[in-house]
Amino acid sequence: MTDKELKELVASLAIAQQKNEVQFAEIDAKIAKVMAEVAEQQKKTDIQIKPETDIWAKELIEDFDEGDSAEEFFYRSLLDNAYLGDMHFDTIYRNLPSCKGKLQDEFDVVLV
């Protein structure tokens, strides 16, 4: 390779590098724009979803309350009539604590 060819090669590499830097800057700008648009859309989505999320949370709390009501109903109905199908139960325990080693639990209703 001659000296002239080497200089032309280096010059062409320098020009290619400058083009790459311009293209990378354009890509970075496009990515920043898209990220800003995504962030803005996320804000809008959060505003739209919040009422639905609040309703969902309220329903979830009500479901837990209904679970407590179901437990209460089940317990009280067995107090009056301690039968499930053909099986009769002598004792009904409510909120019976239990532990085995470090494991602790509570049974809502226990029939004996």
N, C-alpha and C. Protein backbone atom coordinates (compact mmCIF):
# COMPACT_ATOMS: atom_id res chain seq x y z
N MET A 1 0.85 -1.16 0.00
CA MET A 1 0.00 0.00 0.00
C MET A 1 0.90 1.23 0.00
N THR A 2 0.57 2.13 -0.88
CA THR A 2 1.39 3.33 -0.99
C THR A 2 0.98 4.33 0.09
N ASP A 3 1.83 5.32 0.25
CA ASP A 3 1.58 6.37 1.23
C ASP A 3 0.29 7.10 0.90
N LYS A 4 0.08 7.37 -0.37
CA LYS A 4 -1.13 8.07 -0.82
C LYS A 4 -2.38 7.24 -0.52
N GLU A 5 -2.33 5.93 -0.80
CA GLU A 5 -3.47 5.04 -0.54
C GLU A 5 -3.78 4.97 0.96
N LEU A 6 -2.74 4.92 1.76
CA LEU A 6 -2.90 4.88 3.21
C LEU A 6 -3.57 6.16 3.71
N LYS A 7 -3.15 7.32 3.20
CA LYS A 7 -3.75 8.59 3.60
C LYS A 7 -5.22 8.65 3.17
N GLU A 8 -5.52 8.16 1.98
CA GLU A 8 -6.92 8.13 1.50
C GLU A 8 -7.78 7.22 2.37
N LEU A 9 -7.21 6.07 2.78
CA LEU A 9 -7.92 5.13 3.64
C LEU A 9 -8.23 5.76 5.00
N VAL A 10 -7.24 6.40 5.59
CA VAL A 10 -7.42 7.06 6.88
C VAL A 10 -8.47 8.18 6.75
N ALA A 11 -8.39 8.92 5.67
CA ALA A 11 -9.36 10.00 5.44
C ALA A 11 -10.78 9.44 5.29
N SER A 12 -10.91 8.35 4.56
CA SER A 12 -12.24 7.76 4.37
C SER A 12 -12.78 7.19 5.69
N LEU A 13 -11.88 6.64 6.51
CA LEU A 13 -12.29 6.15 7.83
C LEU A 13 -12.74 7.30 8.73
N ALA A 14 -12.06 8.40 8.67
CA ALA A 14 -12.42 9.57 9.46
C ALA A 14 -13.80 10.09 9.04
N ILE A 15 -14.04 10.12 7.72
CA ILE A 15 -15.35 10.57 7.22
C ILE A 15 -16.44 9.59 7.65
N ALA A 16 -16.17 8.31 7.57
CA ALA A 16 -17.13 7.29 7.98
C ALA A 16 -17.45 7.42 9.48
N GLN A 17 -16.41 7.69 10.26
CA GLN A 17 -16.61 7.84 11.70
C GLN A 17 -17.49 9.07 11.99
N GLN A 18 -17.25 10.14 11.29
CA GLN A 18 -18.09 11.34 11.47
C GLN A 18 -19.55 11.05 11.11
N LYS A 19 -19.76 10.31 10.03
CA LYS A 19 -21.13 9.95 9.63
C LYS A 19 -21.78 9.08 10.71
N ASN A 20 -21.00 8.13 11.23
CA ASN A 20 -21.52 7.27 12.31
C ASN A 20 -21.89 8.08 13.54
N GLU A 21 -21.06 9.04 13.90
CA GLU A 21 -21.34 9.87 15.07
C GLU A 21 -22.62 10.68 14.87
N VAL A 22 -22.82 11.19 13.65
CA VAL A 22 -24.05 11.94 13.35
C VAL A 22 -25.25 11.00 13.45
N GLN A 23 -25.12 9.80 12.89
CA GLN A 23 -26.22 8.84 12.93
C GLN A 23 -26.52 8.41 14.38
N PHE A 24 -25.47 8.19 15.18
CA PHE A 24 -25.68 7.83 16.59
C PHE A 24 -26.37 8.96 17.35
N ALA A 25 -26.00 10.19 17.05
CA ALA A 25 -26.65 11.34 17.69
C ALA A 25 -28.13 11.40 17.30
N GLU A 26 -28.43 11.13 16.04
CA GLU A 26 -29.83 11.11 15.59
C GLU A 26 -30.61 9.99 16.28
N ILE A 27 -29.98 8.84 16.39
CA ILE A 27 -30.62 7.70 17.06
C ILE A 27 -30.87 8.03 18.53
N ASP A 28 -29.88 8.61 19.19
CA ASP A 28 -30.03 9.00 20.60
C ASP A 28 -31.18 9.99 20.76
N ALA A 29 -31.29 10.94 19.84
CA ALA A 29 -32.37 11.93 19.90
C ALA A 29 -33.72 11.25 19.71
N LYS A 30 -33.81 10.30 18.78
CA LYS A 30 -35.06 9.58 18.56
C LYS A 30 -35.44 8.75 19.79
N ILE A 31 -34.46 8.10 20.38
CA ILE A 31 -34.72 7.31 21.59
C ILE A 31 -35.21 8.21 22.72
N ALA A 32 -34.57 9.37 22.90
CA ALA A 32 -34.99 10.30 23.94
C ALA A 32 -36.43 10.78 23.69
N LYS A 33 -36.76 11.04 22.43
CA LYS A 33 -38.12 11.48 22.09
C LYS A 33 -39.13 10.38 22.40
N VAL A 34 -38.83 9.17 22.00
CA VAL A 34 -39.73 8.04 22.26
C VAL A 34 -39.90 7.81 23.76
N MET A 35 -38.80 7.90 24.49
CA MET A 35 -38.87 7.71 25.95
C MET A 35 -39.74 8.79 26.59
N ALA A 36 -39.63 10.02 26.12
CA ALA A 36 -40.47 11.11 26.64
C ALA A 36 -41.93 10.85 26.32
N GLU A 37 -42.22 10.37 25.10
CA GLU A 37 -43.59 10.05 24.72
C GLU A 37 -44.14 8.90 25.57
N VAL A 38 -43.32 7.91 25.82
CA VAL A 38 -43.75 6.78 26.66
C VAL A 38 -44.04 7.26 28.08
N ALA A 39 -43.18 8.11 28.63
CA ALA A 39 -43.40 8.64 29.97
C ALA A 39 -44.70 9.45 30.02
N GLU A 40 -44.96 10.25 29.01
CA GLU A 40 -46.19 11.04 28.96
C GLU A 40 -47.41 10.13 28.86
N GLN A 41 -47.31 9.12 28.02
CA GLN A 41 -48.42 8.17 27.87
C GLN A 41 -48.65 7.41 29.18
N GLN A 42 -47.58 7.07 29.88
CA GLN A 42 -47.70 6.38 31.16
C GLN A 42 -48.46 7.24 32.17
N LYS A 43 -48.17 8.55 32.18
CA LYS A 43 -48.89 9.47 33.07
C LYS A 43 -50.38 9.47 32.74
N LYS A 44 -50.69 9.54 31.44
CA LYS A 44 -52.10 9.55 31.02
C LYS A 44 -52.78 8.24 31.40
N THR A 45 -52.07 7.13 31.21
CA THR A 45 -52.62 5.81 31.56
C THR A 45 -52.87 5.72 33.05
N ASP A 46 -51.92 6.20 33.84
CA ASP A 46 -52.09 6.18 35.29
C ASP A 46 -53.33 6.96 35.71
N ILE A 47 -53.54 8.10 35.08
CA ILE A 47 -54.72 8.93 35.40
C ILE A 47 -56.00 8.19 35.00
N GLN A 48 -55.97 7.50 33.87
CA GLN A 48 -57.15 6.78 33.40
C GLN A 48 -57.43 5.55 34.27
N ILE A 49 -56.38 4.88 34.71
CA ILE A 49 -56.53 3.62 35.45
C ILE A 49 -56.85 3.86 36.92
N LYS A 50 -56.43 4.99 37.47
CA LYS A 50 -56.60 5.22 38.90
C LYS A 50 -58.02 4.99 39.37
N PRO A 51 -59.06 5.56 38.71
CA PRO A 51 -60.42 5.29 39.19
C PRO A 51 -60.75 3.80 39.19
N GLU A 52 -60.33 3.09 38.14
CA GLU A 52 -60.58 1.65 38.07
C GLU A 52 -59.84 0.92 39.18
N THR A 53 -58.62 1.34 39.45
CA THR A 53 -57.83 0.71 40.51
C THR A 53 -58.48 0.96 41.86
N ASP A 54 -58.98 2.18 42.06
CA ASP A 54 -59.65 2.49 43.32
C ASP A 54 -60.89 1.62 43.50
N ILE A 55 -61.66 1.43 42.42
CA ILE A 55 -62.85 0.58 42.48
C ILE A 55 -62.45 -0.85 42.78
N TRP A 56 -61.40 -1.33 42.10
CA TRP A 56 -60.92 -2.71 42.33
C TRP A 56 -60.50 -2.90 43.78
N ALA A 57 -59.79 -1.92 44.34
CA ALA A 57 -59.36 -2.03 45.73
C ALA A 57 -60.56 -2.06 46.67
N LYS A 58 -61.56 -1.22 46.40
CA LYS A 58 -62.76 -1.20 47.23
C LYS A 58 -63.48 -2.54 47.16
N GLU A 59 -63.60 -3.11 45.96
CA GLU A 59 -64.25 -4.42 45.80
C GLU A 59 -63.46 -5.50 46.52
N LEU A 60 -62.16 -5.42 46.48
CA LEU A 60 -61.33 -6.40 47.16
C LEU A 60 -61.56 -6.35 48.67
N ILE A 61 -61.64 -5.15 49.21
CA ILE A 61 -61.91 -4.99 50.64
C ILE A 61 -63.30 -5.53 50.97
N GLU A 62 -64.27 -5.24 50.10
CA GLU A 62 -65.62 -5.77 50.32
C GLU A 62 -65.63 -7.29 50.27
N ASP A 63 -64.85 -7.89 49.36
CA ASP A 63 -64.76 -9.35 49.29
C ASP A 63 -64.23 -9.92 50.59
N PHE A 64 -63.23 -9.28 51.17
CA PHE A 64 -62.72 -9.76 52.45
C PHE A 64 -63.79 -9.65 53.52
N ASP A 65 -64.55 -8.57 53.50
CA ASP A 65 -65.64 -8.41 54.45
C ASP A 65 -66.69 -9.50 54.25
N GLU A 66 -66.99 -9.84 52.98
CA GLU A 66 -67.93 -10.90 52.70
C GLU A 66 -67.40 -12.24 53.19
N GLY A 67 -66.09 -12.46 53.10
CA GLY A 67 -65.49 -13.68 53.63
C GLY A 67 -65.71 -13.78 55.12
N ASP A 68 -65.55 -12.68 55.83
CA ASP A 68 -65.82 -12.67 57.27
C ASP A 68 -67.29 -12.95 57.53
N SER A 69 -68.16 -12.39 56.69
CA SER A 69 -69.60 -12.62 56.85
C SER A 69 -69.93 -14.09 56.59
N ALA A 70 -69.31 -14.69 55.60
CA ALA A 70 -69.53 -16.10 55.30
C ALA A 70 -69.07 -16.96 56.48
N GLU A 71 -67.93 -16.63 57.04
CA GLU A 71 -67.43 -17.36 58.21
C GLU A 71 -68.43 -17.25 59.37
N GLU A 72 -68.92 -16.05 59.60
CA GLU A 72 -69.89 -15.80 60.67
C GLU A 72 -71.17 -16.60 60.43
N PHE A 73 -71.67 -16.57 59.19
CA PHE A 73 -72.89 -17.31 58.84
C PHE A 73 -72.69 -18.81 59.05
N PHE A 74 -71.58 -19.36 58.57
CA PHE A 74 -71.28 -20.78 58.69
C PHE A 74 -71.22 -21.19 60.16
N TYR A 75 -70.52 -20.41 60.95
CA TYR A 75 -70.36 -20.71 62.38
C TYR A 75 -71.72 -20.68 63.09
N ARG A 76 -72.48 -19.62 62.86
CA ARG A 76 -73.77 -19.48 63.56
C ARG A 76 -74.77 -20.55 63.13
N SER A 77 -74.76 -20.93 61.85
CA SER A 77 -75.70 -21.96 61.41
C SER A 77 -75.34 -23.32 62.00
N LEU A 78 -74.06 -23.57 62.24
CA LEU A 78 -73.66 -24.84 62.86
C LEU A 78 -73.92 -24.85 64.36
N LEU A 79 -73.96 -23.68 64.97
CA LEU A 79 -74.29 -23.62 66.40
C LEU A 79 -75.70 -24.12 66.64
N ASP A 80 -76.59 -23.74 65.75
CA ASP A 80 -77.99 -24.14 65.88
C ASP A 80 -78.22 -25.58 65.44
N ASN A 81 -77.48 -26.04 64.45
CA ASN A 81 -77.69 -27.37 63.88
C ASN A 81 -76.33 -27.92 63.48
N ALA A 82 -75.69 -28.67 64.35
CA ALA A 82 -74.31 -29.12 64.14
C ALA A 82 -74.24 -30.34 63.22
N TYR A 83 -74.87 -30.24 62.07
CA TYR A 83 -74.85 -31.31 61.08
C TYR A 83 -74.34 -30.77 59.75
N LEU A 84 -73.54 -31.60 59.10
CA LEU A 84 -73.16 -31.37 57.70
C LEU A 84 -73.51 -32.66 56.99
N GLY A 85 -74.58 -32.63 56.22
CA GLY A 85 -75.07 -33.86 55.61
C GLY A 85 -75.54 -34.79 56.71
N ASP A 86 -75.01 -36.02 56.72
CA ASP A 86 -75.37 -37.00 57.74
C ASP A 86 -74.44 -36.95 58.94
N MET A 87 -73.41 -36.14 58.89
CA MET A 87 -72.42 -36.12 59.99
C MET A 87 -72.84 -35.11 61.05
N HIS A 88 -72.80 -35.58 62.30
CA HIS A 88 -73.10 -34.73 63.44
C HIS A 88 -71.80 -34.38 64.14
N PHE A 89 -71.71 -33.13 64.60
CA PHE A 89 -70.51 -32.68 65.31
C PHE A 89 -70.88 -32.26 66.72
N ASP A 90 -70.04 -32.66 67.67
CA ASP A 90 -70.30 -32.38 69.08
C ASP A 90 -69.81 -31.00 69.49
N THR A 91 -68.71 -30.56 68.90
CA THR A 91 -68.10 -29.31 69.33
C THR A 91 -67.73 -28.48 68.11
N ILE A 92 -67.90 -27.17 68.26
CA ILE A 92 -67.50 -26.23 67.21
C ILE A 92 -66.53 -25.23 67.83
N TYR A 93 -65.37 -25.12 67.23
CA TYR A 93 -64.37 -24.14 67.68
C TYR A 93 -64.27 -23.05 66.62
N ARG A 94 -64.11 -21.84 67.10
CA ARG A 94 -63.96 -20.72 66.18
C ARG A 94 -62.63 -20.04 66.43
N ASN A 95 -61.93 -19.69 65.34
CA ASN A 95 -60.62 -19.01 65.42
C ASN A 95 -59.67 -19.78 66.32
N LEU A 96 -59.56 -21.07 66.06
CA LEU A 96 -58.72 -21.96 66.85
C LEU A 96 -57.26 -21.77 66.46
N PRO A 97 -56.42 -21.33 67.41
CA PRO A 97 -55.00 -21.17 67.08
C PRO A 97 -54.30 -22.52 67.03
N SER A 98 -53.27 -22.57 66.22
CA SER A 98 -52.50 -23.79 66.09
C SER A 98 -51.05 -23.40 65.81
N CYS A 99 -50.14 -24.17 66.39
CA CYS A 99 -48.74 -23.94 66.05
C CYS A 99 -48.00 -25.26 66.10
N LYS A 100 -47.04 -25.37 65.21
CA LYS A 100 -46.17 -26.54 65.13
C LYS A 100 -44.78 -26.00 64.86
N GLY A 101 -43.92 -26.08 65.84
CA GLY A 101 -42.60 -25.48 65.71
C GLY A 101 -42.75 -23.98 65.60
N LYS A 102 -42.16 -23.40 64.58
CA LYS A 102 -42.25 -21.96 64.37
C LYS A 102 -43.46 -21.56 63.54
N LEU A 103 -44.16 -22.54 63.00
CA LEU A 103 -45.31 -22.27 62.15
C LEU A 103 -46.54 -22.03 63.02
N GLN A 104 -47.16 -20.87 62.85
CA GLN A 104 -48.38 -20.54 63.58
C GLN A 104 -49.49 -20.29 62.58
N ASP A 105 -50.70 -20.73 62.96
CA ASP A 105 -51.83 -20.56 62.07
C ASP A 105 -53.09 -20.42 62.91
N GLU A 106 -54.20 -20.19 62.23
CA GLU A 106 -55.49 -20.10 62.91
C GLU A 106 -56.53 -20.69 61.99
N PHE A 107 -57.37 -21.55 62.56
CA PHE A 107 -58.47 -22.15 61.81
C PHE A 107 -59.74 -21.38 62.12
N ASP A 108 -60.45 -20.94 61.09
CA ASP A 108 -61.65 -20.12 61.30
C ASP A 108 -62.74 -20.90 62.01
N VAL A 109 -63.05 -22.10 61.51
CA VAL A 109 -64.07 -22.94 62.12
C VAL A 109 -63.55 -24.37 62.14
N VAL A 110 -63.64 -25.03 63.31
CA VAL A 110 -63.22 -26.43 63.44
C VAL A 110 -64.38 -27.20 64.05
N LEU A 111 -64.73 -28.30 63.41
CA LEU A 111 -65.81 -29.15 63.88
C LEU A 111 -65.23 -30.44 64.42
N VAL A 112 -65.69 -30.84 65.61
CA VAL A 112 -65.20 -32.08 66.23
C VAL A 112 -66.39 -32.97 66.52
